[in-house]
Amino acid sequence: MAHEDWVYTKGWIVTIAGFLIVVIALFILSTIFSGVAAYFKKQDTKTNEVKDVKPVAVKPAVKVAEGGEIAPEVLTAIGMALYLSTNLHDEESNVITIERRATSWNDKNYGVRHWKR
């Protein structure tokens, strides 16, 4: 049974309409997303405006030794903290505790090569 020409025409109409709907939806979504991004960027610049602030002398947070180097006590504390935070391994017994169980996957009775003669 041969199709008539109007079937192919309606197919093209549906294809073009679907394509246009997708393109228009993507355009609308991109417009909305760019508008939301611009709004939040504008809000961010309002909150981060630089105000006239006088500089304040800041004391160093780390104890500094003579010559501008970090004190040995501070270096020792940092090294010990790094050692303790990275050395968190359990003692392993090196004993494998997996026991073999008979299941339908490894049972010899269900094997493929079990041929009855």
Protein backbone atom coordinates (compact mmCIF):
# COMPACT_ATOMS: atom_id res chain seq x y z
CA MET A 1 0.00 0.00 0.00
CA ALA A 2 1.60 3.24 -1.08
CA HIS A 3 1.45 6.32 1.09
CA GLU A 4 -0.12 9.41 -0.27
CA ASP A 5 1.71 12.71 -0.65
CA TRP A 6 -0.12 14.41 2.23
CA VAL A 7 1.44 11.92 4.70
CA TYR A 8 4.94 13.06 3.79
CA THR A 9 3.89 16.72 3.90
CA LYS A 10 2.52 16.36 7.41
CA GLY A 11 5.72 14.58 8.47
CA TRP A 12 7.82 17.52 7.33
CA ILE A 13 5.50 19.95 9.08
CA VAL A 14 5.82 18.05 12.36
CA THR A 15 9.62 17.86 11.98
CA ILE A 16 10.01 21.59 11.29
CA ALA A 17 7.57 22.53 14.07
CA GLY A 18 9.44 20.36 16.58
CA PHE A 19 12.76 21.84 15.56
CA LEU A 20 11.43 25.39 15.89
CA ILE A 21 9.95 24.65 19.31
CA VAL A 22 13.30 23.34 20.56
CA VAL A 23 15.23 26.31 19.15
CA ILE A 24 12.78 28.84 20.63
CA ALA A 25 12.83 27.07 24.03
CA LEU A 26 16.64 27.12 24.08
CA PHE A 27 16.67 30.82 23.17
CA ILE A 28 14.21 31.64 25.97
CA LEU A 29 16.18 29.60 28.51
CA SER A 30 19.48 31.20 27.52
CA THR A 31 17.91 34.65 27.84
CA ILE A 32 16.56 33.82 31.29
CA PHE A 33 19.88 32.38 32.48
CA SER A 34 21.91 35.32 31.19
CA GLY A 35 19.47 37.73 32.88
CA VAL A 36 19.74 35.89 36.20
CA ALA A 37 23.54 35.86 35.92
CA ALA A 38 23.60 39.60 35.20
CA TYR A 39 21.31 40.25 38.18
CA PHE A 40 23.51 38.32 40.59
CA LYS A 41 26.67 39.89 39.20
CA LYS A 42 25.13 43.32 39.78
CA GLN A 43 24.18 42.34 43.35
CA ASP A 44 27.71 41.05 43.93
CA THR A 45 29.31 44.31 42.80
CA LYS A 46 26.98 46.26 45.12
CA THR A 47 28.00 44.24 48.16
CA ASN A 48 31.72 44.23 47.30
CA GLU A 49 32.16 47.95 46.74
CA VAL A 50 35.44 49.15 48.15
CA LYS A 51 34.96 51.61 51.00
CA ASP A 52 37.54 53.98 52.34
CA VAL A 53 39.23 51.87 54.99
CA LYS A 54 42.35 52.93 56.78
CA PRO A 55 45.07 50.28 56.79
CA VAL A 56 45.66 48.68 60.17
CA ALA A 57 48.94 47.20 61.27
CA VAL A 58 48.52 43.44 61.52
CA LYS A 59 50.59 41.28 63.82
CA PRO A 60 51.89 38.11 62.20
CA ALA A 61 49.91 35.02 63.17
CA VAL A 62 53.05 32.89 63.22
CA LYS A 63 55.86 33.35 65.68
CA VAL A 64 58.81 34.70 63.71
CA ALA A 65 62.39 34.14 64.84
CA GLU A 66 65.35 36.39 64.19
CA GLY A 67 66.14 37.03 60.55
CA GLY A 68 62.50 36.67 59.41
CA GLU A 69 62.39 32.86 59.59
CA ILE A 70 59.64 30.83 61.22
CA ALA A 71 60.49 29.67 64.73
CA PRO A 72 61.56 26.01 65.11
CA GLU A 73 58.76 25.32 67.61
CA VAL A 74 56.16 26.37 65.04
CA LEU A 75 57.76 24.23 62.34
CA THR A 76 57.80 21.27 64.73
CA ALA A 77 54.10 21.74 65.55
CA ILE A 78 53.19 21.96 61.85
CA GLY A 79 55.22 18.85 61.04
CA MET A 80 53.65 16.87 63.88
CA ALA A 81 50.14 17.93 62.83
CA LEU A 82 50.81 16.85 59.24
CA TYR A 83 52.24 13.52 60.40
CA LEU A 84 49.29 12.78 62.65
CA SER A 85 46.69 13.80 60.07
CA THR A 86 48.16 11.69 57.26
CA ASN A 87 49.22 8.59 59.23
CA LEU A 88 45.77 7.12 59.91
CA HIS A 89 46.23 3.55 58.69
CA ASP A 90 44.90 0.54 60.56
CA GLU A 91 47.07 -2.43 61.34
CA GLU A 92 46.24 -5.19 58.88
CA SER A 93 46.46 -8.85 59.84
CA ASN A 94 47.14 -9.91 56.22
CA VAL A 95 44.62 -12.74 56.61
CA ILE A 96 42.01 -13.16 53.93
CA THR A 97 38.65 -13.89 55.54
CA ILE A 98 36.65 -14.65 52.40
CA GLU A 99 35.16 -18.12 52.53
CA ARG A 100 33.92 -19.97 49.48
CA ARG A 101 30.18 -20.57 49.44
CA ALA A 102 28.22 -22.74 47.07
CA THR A 103 25.91 -20.58 45.00
CA SER A 104 24.21 -21.12 41.70
CA TRP A 105 26.99 -19.11 40.04
CA ASN A 106 29.85 -21.37 41.09
CA ASP A 107 28.09 -24.69 41.71
CA LYS A 108 29.42 -27.55 39.57
CA ASN A 109 25.95 -29.01 39.12
CA TYR A 110 24.87 -25.96 37.14
CA GLY A 111 27.96 -25.87 34.95
CA VAL A 112 27.68 -25.50 31.19
CA ARG A 113 30.00 -28.42 30.47
CA HIS A 114 28.04 -30.90 32.59
CA TRP A 115 26.88 -33.19 29.79
CA LYS A 116 24.71 -36.16 30.43
CA ARG A 117 25.63 -39.19 28.28
